[in-house]
PDB file of N, CA and C in Angstrom:
ATOM      1  N   MET A   1      40.176  22.293 157.717  1.00  0.00           N
ATOM      2  CA  MET A   1      40.551  21.347 158.742  1.00  0.00           C
ATOM      3  C   MET A   1      39.329  20.888 159.536  1.00  0.00           C
ATOM      4  N   SER A   2      38.477  21.821 159.879  1.00  0.00           N
ATOM      5  CA  SER A   2      37.282  21.499 160.638  1.00  0.00           C
ATOM      6  C   SER A   2      36.325  20.639 159.814  1.00  0.00           C
ATOM      7  N   THR A   3      36.265  20.900 158.515  1.00  0.00           N
ATOM      8  CA  THR A   3      35.402  20.125 157.634  1.00  0.00           C
ATOM      9  C   THR A   3      35.892  18.688 157.534  1.00  0.00           C
ATOM     10  N   ARG A   4      37.194  18.535 157.509  1.00  0.00           N
ATOM     11  CA  ARG A   4      37.783  17.197 157.427  1.00  0.00           C
ATOM     12  C   ARG A   4      37.460  16.395 158.695  1.00  0.00           C
ATOM     13  N   LYS A   5      37.567  17.023 159.863  1.00  0.00           N
ATOM     14  CA  LYS A   5      37.247  16.346 161.126  1.00  0.00           C
ATOM     15  C   LYS A   5      35.772  15.965 161.169  1.00  0.00           C
ATOM     16  N   ALA A   6      34.928  16.863 160.693  1.00  0.00           N
ATOM     17  CA  ALA A   6      33.488  16.592 160.691  1.00  0.00           C
ATOM     18  C   ALA A   6      33.170  15.418 159.765  1.00  0.00           C
ATOM     19  N   ALA A   7      33.794  15.401 158.595  1.00  0.00           N
ATOM     20  CA  ALA A   7      33.563  14.312 157.649  1.00  0.00           C
ATOM     21  C   ALA A   7      34.073  12.991 158.214  1.00  0.00           C
ATOM     22  N   LEU A   8      35.233  13.032 158.859  1.00  0.00           N
ATOM     23  CA  LEU A   8      35.802  11.828 159.472  1.00  0.00           C
ATOM     24  C   LEU A   8      34.902  11.325 160.605  1.00  0.00           C
ATOM     25  N   THR A   9      34.406  12.244 161.416  1.00  0.00           N
ATOM     26  CA  THR A   9      33.509  11.875 162.511  1.00  0.00           C
ATOM     27  C   THR A   9      32.217  11.274 161.963  1.00  0.00           C
ATOM     28  N   LEU A  10      31.658  11.926 160.944  1.00  0.00           N
ATOM     29  CA  LEU A  10      30.434  11.415 160.330  1.00  0.00           C
ATOM     30  C   LEU A  10      30.661  10.025 159.740  1.00  0.00           C
ATOM     31  N   GLY A  11      31.750   9.845 159.039  1.00  0.00           N
ATOM     32  CA  GLY A  11      32.068   8.542 158.456  1.00  0.00           C
ATOM     33  C   GLY A  11      32.226   7.470 159.521  1.00  0.00           C
ATOM     34  N   THR A  12      32.904   7.820 160.607  1.00  0.00           N
ATOM     35  CA  THR A  12      33.105   6.876 161.708  1.00  0.00           C
ATOM     36  C   THR A  12      31.767   6.491 162.336  1.00  0.00           C
ATOM     37  N   VAL A  13      30.926   7.491 162.583  1.00  0.00           N
ATOM     38  CA  VAL A  13      29.627   7.234 163.202  1.00  0.00           C
ATOM     39  C   VAL A  13      28.752   6.375 162.282  1.00  0.00           C
ATOM     40  N   VAL A  14      28.764   6.668 160.993  1.00  0.00           N
ATOM     41  CA  VAL A  14      27.975   5.880 160.042  1.00  0.00           C
ATOM     42  C   VAL A  14      28.469   4.438 160.015  1.00  0.00           C
ATOM     43  N   CYS A  15      29.780   4.247 159.978  1.00  0.00           N
ATOM     44  CA  CYS A  15      30.343   2.881 159.969  1.00  0.00           C
ATOM     45  C   CYS A  15      29.990   2.124 161.245  1.00  0.00           C
ATOM     46  N   LEU A  16      30.141   2.784 162.392  1.00  0.00           N
ATOM     47  CA  LEU A  16      29.820   2.126 163.663  1.00  0.00           C
ATOM     48  C   LEU A  16      28.325   1.798 163.744  1.00  0.00           C
ATOM     49  N   SER A  17      27.486   2.701 163.263  1.00  0.00           N
ATOM     50  CA  SER A  17      26.041   2.443 163.268  1.00  0.00           C
ATOM     51  C   SER A  17      25.704   1.259 162.368  1.00  0.00           C
ATOM     52  N   ALA A  18      26.300   1.230 161.181  1.00  0.00           N
ATOM     53  CA  ALA A  18      26.055   0.118 160.259  1.00  0.00           C
ATOM     54  C   ALA A  18      26.540  -1.193 160.862  1.00  0.00           C
ATOM     55  N   LEU A  19      27.701  -1.168 161.498  1.00  0.00           N
ATOM     56  CA  LEU A  19      28.227  -2.371 162.157  1.00  0.00           C
ATOM     57  C   LEU A  19      27.300  -2.828 163.281  1.00  0.00           C
ATOM     58  N   THR A  20      26.778  -1.885 164.042  1.00  0.00           N
ATOM     59  CA  THR A  20      25.869  -2.227 165.133  1.00  0.00           C
ATOM     60  C   THR A  20      24.596  -2.870 164.595  1.00  0.00           C
ATOM     61  N   VAL A  21      24.024  -2.281 163.550  1.00  0.00           N
ATOM     62  CA  VAL A  21      22.805  -2.840 162.953  1.00  0.00           C
ATOM     63  C   VAL A  21      23.080  -4.237 162.418  1.00  0.00           C
ATOM     64  N   TRP A  22      24.189  -4.419 161.730  1.00  0.00           N
ATOM     65  CA  TRP A  22      24.542  -5.737 161.196  1.00  0.00           C
ATOM     66  C   TRP A  22      24.735  -6.740 162.330  1.00  0.00           C
ATOM     67  N   GLY A  23      25.431  -6.316 163.402  1.00  0.00           N
ATOM     68  CA  GLY A  23      25.673  -7.212 164.535  1.00  0.00           C
ATOM     69  C   GLY A  23      24.384  -7.661 165.199  1.00  0.00           C
ATOM     70  N   VAL A  24      23.464  -6.725 165.398  1.00  0.00           N
ATOM     71  CA  VAL A  24      22.186  -7.072 166.020  1.00  0.00           C
ATOM     72  C   VAL A  24      21.397  -8.011 165.113  1.00  0.00           C
ATOM     73  N   HIS A  25      21.404  -7.735 163.821  1.00  0.00           N
ATOM     74  CA  HIS A  25      20.705  -8.603 162.865  1.00  0.00           C
ATOM     75  C   HIS A  25      21.298 -10.014 162.896  1.00  0.00           C
ATOM     76  N   TYR A  26      22.612 -10.112 162.896  1.00  0.00           N
ATOM     77  CA  TYR A  26      23.283 -11.414 162.933  1.00  0.00           C
ATOM     78  C   TYR A  26      22.921 -12.160 164.221  1.00  0.00           C
ATOM     79  N   GLN A  27      22.924 -11.442 165.343  1.00  0.00           N
ATOM     80  CA  GLN A  27      22.598 -12.061 166.626  1.00  0.00           C
ATOM     81  C   GLN A  27      21.151 -12.563 166.631  1.00  0.00           C
ATOM     82  N   GLN A  28      20.228 -11.781 166.085  1.00  0.00           N
ATOM     83  CA  GLN A  28      18.831 -12.208 166.032  1.00  0.00           C
ATOM     84  C   GLN A  28      18.667 -13.456 165.167  1.00  0.00           C
ATOM     85  N   GLU A  29      19.344 -13.500 164.042  1.00  0.00           N
ATOM     86  CA  GLU A  29      19.272 -14.677 163.171  1.00  0.00           C
ATOM     87  C   GLU A  29      19.828 -15.908 163.883  1.00  0.00           C
ATOM     88  N   ALA A  30      20.938 -15.735 164.606  1.00  0.00           N
ATOM     89  CA  ALA A  30      21.532 -16.859 165.334  1.00  0.00           C
ATOM     90  C   ALA A  30      20.581 -17.356 166.424  1.00  0.00           C
ATOM     91  N   GLU A  31      19.952 -16.432 167.146  1.00  0.00           N
ATOM     92  CA  GLU A  31      19.004 -16.821 168.187  1.00  0.00           C
ATOM     93  C   GLU A  31      17.791 -17.527 167.592  1.00  0.00           C
ATOM     94  N   ARG A  32      17.300 -17.026 166.470  1.00  0.00           N
ATOM     95  CA  ARG A  32      16.143 -17.637 165.815  1.00  0.00           C
ATOM     96  C   ARG A  32      16.475 -19.073 165.395  1.00  0.00           C
ATOM     97  N   GLU A  33      17.653 -19.273 164.833  1.00  0.00           N
ATOM     98  CA  GLU A  33      18.069 -20.614 164.409  1.00  0.00           C
ATOM     99  C   GLU A  33      18.229 -21.539 165.614  1.00  0.00           C
ATOM    100  N   SER A  34      18.793 -21.004 166.690  1.00  0.00           N
ATOM    101  CA  SER A  34      18.970 -21.789 167.908  1.00  0.00           C
ATOM    102  C   SER A  34      17.615 -22.218 168.474  1.00  0.00           C
ATOM    103  N   MET A  35      16.660 -21.302 168.474  1.00  0.00           N
ATOM    104  CA  MET A  35      15.327 -21.635 168.974  1.00  0.00           C
ATOM    105  C   MET A  35      14.662 -22.680 168.087  1.00  0.00           C
ATOM    106  N   TYR A  36      14.829 -22.569 166.787  1.00  0.00           N
ATOM    107  CA  TYR A  36      14.247 -23.540 165.861  1.00  0.00           C
ATOM    108  C   TYR A  36      14.852 -24.924 166.082  1.00  0.00           C
ATOM    109  N   GLN A  37      16.158 -24.984 166.294  1.00  0.00           N
ATOM    110  CA  GLN A  37      16.799 -26.272 166.568  1.00  0.00           C
ATOM    111  C   GLN A  37      16.269 -26.863 167.869  1.00  0.00           C
ATOM    112  N   GLY A  38      15.963 -26.013 168.843  1.00  0.00           N
ATOM    113  CA  GLY A  38      15.368 -26.486 170.092  1.00  0.00           C
ATOM    114  C   GLY A  38      14.012 -27.131 169.861  1.00  0.00           C
ATOM    115  N   VAL A  39      13.219 -26.538 168.982  1.00  0.00           N
ATOM    116  CA  VAL A  39      11.904 -27.108 168.647  1.00  0.00           C
ATOM    117  C   VAL A  39      12.081 -28.472 167.992  1.00  0.00           C
ATOM    118  N   LEU A  40      13.044 -28.576 167.082  1.00  0.00           N
ATOM    119  CA  LEU A  40      13.291 -29.865 166.422  1.00  0.00           C
ATOM    120  C   LEU A  40      13.734 -30.919 167.434  1.00  0.00           C
ATOM    121  N   ARG A  41      14.616 -30.530 168.375  1.00  0.00           N
ATOM    122  CA  ARG A  41      15.054 -31.482 169.406  1.00  0.00           C
ATOM    123  C   ARG A  41      13.877 -31.915 170.274  1.00  0.00           C
ATOM    124  N   ASP A  42      12.993 -30.974 170.603  1.00  0.00           N
ATOM    125  CA  ASP A  42      11.817 -31.316 171.402  1.00  0.00           C
ATOM    126  C   ASP A  42      10.919 -32.304 170.664  1.00  0.00           C
ATOM    127  N   ASP A  43      10.755 -32.108 169.362  1.00  0.00           N
ATOM    128  CA  ASP A  43       9.939 -33.041 168.575  1.00  0.00           C
ATOM    129  C   ASP A  43      10.529 -34.445 168.598  1.00  0.00           C
ATOM    130  N   VAL A  44      11.838 -34.541 168.450  1.00  0.00           N
ATOM    131  CA  VAL A  44      12.503 -35.853 168.478  1.00  0.00           C
ATOM    132  C   VAL A  44      12.320 -36.489 169.854  1.00  0.00           C
ATOM    133  N   ARG A  45      12.523 -35.705 170.912  1.00  0.00           N
ATOM    134  CA  ARG A  45      12.361 -36.220 172.271  1.00  0.00           C
ATOM    135  C   ARG A  45      10.934 -36.699 172.517  1.00  0.00           C
ATOM    136  N   ARG A  46       9.957 -35.930 172.026  1.00  0.00           N
ATOM    137  CA  ARG A  46       8.555 -36.302 172.201  1.00  0.00           C
ATOM    138  C   ARG A  46       8.243 -37.607 171.476  1.00  0.00           C
ATOM    139  N   ARG A  47       8.764 -37.746 170.250  1.00  0.00           N
ATOM    140  CA  ARG A  47       8.529 -38.989 169.497  1.00  0.00           C
ATOM    141  C   ARG A  47       9.160 -40.180 170.210  1.00  0.00           C
ATOM    142  N   GLU A  48      10.382 -39.995 170.711  1.00  0.00           N
ATOM    143  CA  GLU A  48      11.052 -41.086 171.430  1.00  0.00           C
ATOM    144  C   GLU A  48      10.270 -41.468 172.677  1.00  0.00           C
ATOM    145  N   LYS A  49       9.756 -40.475 173.384  1.00  0.00           N
ATOM    146  CA  LYS A  49       8.993 -40.734 174.600  1.00  0.00           C
ATOM    147  C   LYS A  49       7.702 -41.488 174.277  1.00  0.00           C
ATOM    148  N   MET A  50       7.026 -41.081 173.199  1.00  0.00           N
ATOM    149  CA  MET A  50       5.797 -41.775 172.799  1.00  0.00           C
ATOM    150  C   MET A  50       6.092 -43.216 172.407  1.00  0.00           C
ATOM    151  N   LEU A  51       7.185 -43.438 171.695  1.00  0.00           N
ATOM    152  CA  LEU A  51       7.568 -44.794 171.306  1.00  0.00           C
ATOM    153  C   LEU A  51       7.861 -45.632 172.543  1.00  0.00           C
ATOM    154  N   GLN A  52       8.587 -45.055 173.502  1.00  0.00           N
ATOM    155  CA  GLN A  52       8.904 -45.788 174.725  1.00  0.00           C
ATOM    156  C   GLN A  52       7.629 -46.125 175.492  1.00  0.00           C
ATOM    157  N   ARG A  53       6.702 -45.194 175.553  1.00  0.00           N
ATOM    158  CA  ARG A  53       5.429 -45.465 176.238  1.00  0.00           C
ATOM    159  C   ARG A  53       4.661 -46.578 175.545  1.00  0.00           C
ATOM    160  N   GLN A  54       4.673 -46.583 174.213  1.00  0.00           N
ATOM    161  CA  GLN A  54       3.991 -47.639 173.462  1.00  0.00           C
ATOM    162  C   GLN A  54       4.635 -48.995 173.747  1.00  0.00           C
ATOM    163  N   LEU A  55       5.971 -49.024 173.773  1.00  0.00           N
ATOM    164  CA  LEU A  55       6.674 -50.274 174.077  1.00  0.00           C
ATOM    165  C   LEU A  55       6.362 -50.742 175.494  1.00  0.00           C
ATOM    166  N   ASP A  56       6.317 -49.794 176.440  1.00  0.00           N
ATOM    167  CA  ASP A  56       5.986 -50.145 177.820  1.00  0.00           C
ATOM    168  C   ASP A  56       4.567 -50.701 177.914  1.00  0.00           C
ATOM    169  N   LEU A  57       3.638 -50.098 177.169  1.00  0.00           N
ATOM    170  CA  LEU A  57       2.257 -50.575 177.179  1.00  0.00           C
ATOM    171  C   LEU A  57       2.174 -51.995 176.632  1.00  0.00           C
ATOM    172  N   GLU A  58       2.860 -52.255 175.530  1.00  0.00           N
ATOM    173  CA  GLU A  58       2.847 -53.595 174.947  1.00  0.00           C
ATOM    174  C   GLU A  58       3.458 -54.612 175.906  1.00  0.00           C
ATOM    175  N   GLU A  59       4.539 -54.226 176.563  1.00  0.00           N
ATOM    176  CA  GLU A  59       5.169 -55.124 177.537  1.00  0.00           C
ATOM    177  C   GLU A  59       4.220 -55.392 178.702  1.00  0.00           C
ATOM    178  N   SER A  60       3.538 -54.355 179.144  1.00  0.00           N
ATOM    179  CA  SER A  60       2.584 -54.506 180.237  1.00  0.00           C
ATOM    180  C   SER A  60       1.439 -55.441 179.844  1.00  0.00           C
ATOM    181  N   LYS A  61       0.962 -55.317 178.608  1.00  0.00           N
ATOM    182  CA  LYS A  61      -0.103 -56.209 178.137  1.00  0.00           C
ATOM    183  C   LYS A  61       0.370 -57.656 178.107  1.00  0.00           C
ATOM    184  N   LYS A  62       1.609 -57.875 177.655  1.00  0.00           N
ATOM    185  CA  LYS A  62       2.152 -59.239 177.616  1.00  0.00           C
ATOM    186  C   LYS A  62       2.259 -59.814 179.023  1.00  0.00           C
ATOM    187  N   LYS A  63       2.742 -59.004 179.958  1.00  0.00           N
ATOM    188  CA  LYS A  63       2.854 -59.467 181.342  1.00  0.00           C
ATOM    189  C   LYS A  63       1.483 -59.801 181.910  1.00  0.00           C
ATOM    190  N   ARG A  64       0.508 -58.964 181.601  1.00  0.00           N
ATOM    191  CA  ARG A  64      -0.842 -59.215 182.103  1.00  0.00           C
ATOM    192  C   ARG A  64      -1.375 -60.536 181.565  1.00  0.00           C
ATOM    193  N   GLU A  65      -1.149 -60.798 180.266  1.00  0.00           N
ATOM    194  CA  GLU A  65      -1.598 -62.066 179.686  1.00  0.00           C
ATOM    195  C   GLU A  65      -0.936 -63.243 180.391  1.00  0.00           C
ATOM    196  N   ILE A  66       0.356 -63.125 180.646  1.00  0.00           N
ATOM    197  CA  ILE A  66       1.078 -64.206 181.335  1.00  0.00           C
ATOM    198  C   ILE A  66       0.509 -64.408 182.732  1.00  0.00           C
ATOM    199  N   TYR A  67       0.300 -63.320 183.473  1.00  0.00           N
ATOM    200  CA  TYR A  67      -0.234 -63.428 184.831  1.00  0.00           C
ATOM    201  C   TYR A  67      -1.652 -63.988 184.834  1.00  0.00           C
ATOM    202  N   GLU A  68      -2.449 -63.581 183.847  1.00  0.00           N
ATOM    203  CA  GLU A  68      -3.825 -64.081 183.801  1.00  0.00           C
ATOM    204  C   GLU A  68      -3.869 -65.558 183.434  1.00  0.00           C
ATOM    205  N   ARG A  69      -2.898 -66.023 182.653  1.00  0.00           N
ATOM    206  CA  ARG A  69      -2.838 -67.458 182.358  1.00  0.00           C
ATOM    207  C   ARG A  69      -2.409 -68.238 183.593  1.00  0.00           C
ATOM    208  N   ALA A  70      -1.496 -67.657 184.357  1.00  0.00           N
ATOM    209  CA  ALA A  70      -1.008 -68.347 185.555  1.00  0.00           C
ATOM    210  C   ALA A  70      -2.054 -68.309 186.669  1.00  0.00           C
ATOM    211  N   GLN A  71      -2.772 -67.213 186.768  1.00  0.00           N
ATOM    212  CA  GLN A  71      -3.792 -67.065 187.801  1.00  0.00           C
ATOM    213  C   GLN A  71      -5.109 -66.752 187.105  1.00  0.00           C
ATOM    214  N   LYS A  72      -6.048 -67.587 187.311  1.00  0.00           N
ATOM    215  CA  LYS A  72      -7.355 -67.341 186.707  1.00  0.00           C
ATOM    216  C   LYS A  72      -7.991 -66.139 187.405  1.00  0.00           C
ATOM    217  N   VAL A  73      -8.425 -65.175 186.590  1.00  0.00           N
ATOM    218  CA  VAL A  73      -9.027 -63.962 187.133  1.00  0.00           C
ATOM    219  C   VAL A  73     -10.510 -63.975 186.810  1.00  0.00           C
ATOM    220  N   ASP A  74     -11.302 -63.764 187.834  1.00  0.00           N
ATOM    221  CA  ASP A  74     -12.743 -63.687 187.657  1.00  0.00           C
ATOM    222  C   ASP A  74     -13.077 -62.290 187.117  1.00  0.00           C
ATOM    223  N   PRO A  75     -13.697 -62.192 185.941  1.00  0.00           N
ATOM    224  CA  PRO A  75     -13.998 -60.878 185.352  1.00  0.00           C
ATOM    225  C   PRO A  75     -14.860 -59.999 186.256  1.00  0.00           C
ATOM    226  N   ASP A  76     -15.713 -60.607 187.085  1.00  0.00           N
ATOM    227  CA  ASP A  76     -16.572 -59.817 187.982  1.00  0.00           C
ATOM    228  C   ASP A  76     -15.761 -59.147 189.086  1.00  0.00           C
ATOM    229  N   SER A  77     -14.631 -59.716 189.433  1.00  0.00           N
ATOM    230  CA  SER A  77     -13.832 -59.144 190.523  1.00  0.00           C
ATOM    231  C   SER A  77     -13.053 -57.909 190.072  1.00  0.00           C
ATOM    232  N   LEU A  78     -12.988 -57.673 188.771  1.00  0.00           N
ATOM    233  CA  LEU A  78     -12.247 -56.520 188.261  1.00  0.00           C
ATOM    234  C   LEU A  78     -13.050 -55.229 188.363  1.00  0.00           C
ATOM    235  N   GLN A  79     -14.354 -55.335 188.513  1.00  0.00           N
ATOM    236  CA  GLN A  79     -15.193 -54.130 188.525  1.00  0.00           C
ATOM    237  C   GLN A  79     -15.452 -53.625 189.891  1.00  0.00           C
TER     238      GLN A  79
END
């Protein structure tokens, strides 16, 4: 009877330990994937921001050309 209880206890402990190890491994994999997706989202955001800045720069250059045509600017006054 005592041997049976010991075997049952050992089996239970081994199963719970294996479940714990599997659970921690699964959680680590999920966190790693989540972090990787965050990096990908950051890359997309950075590219969008760079594109927007480029568009803003081009728009600013166009506005400057329009303003310089409307108002003659002396190049010496810019320095």
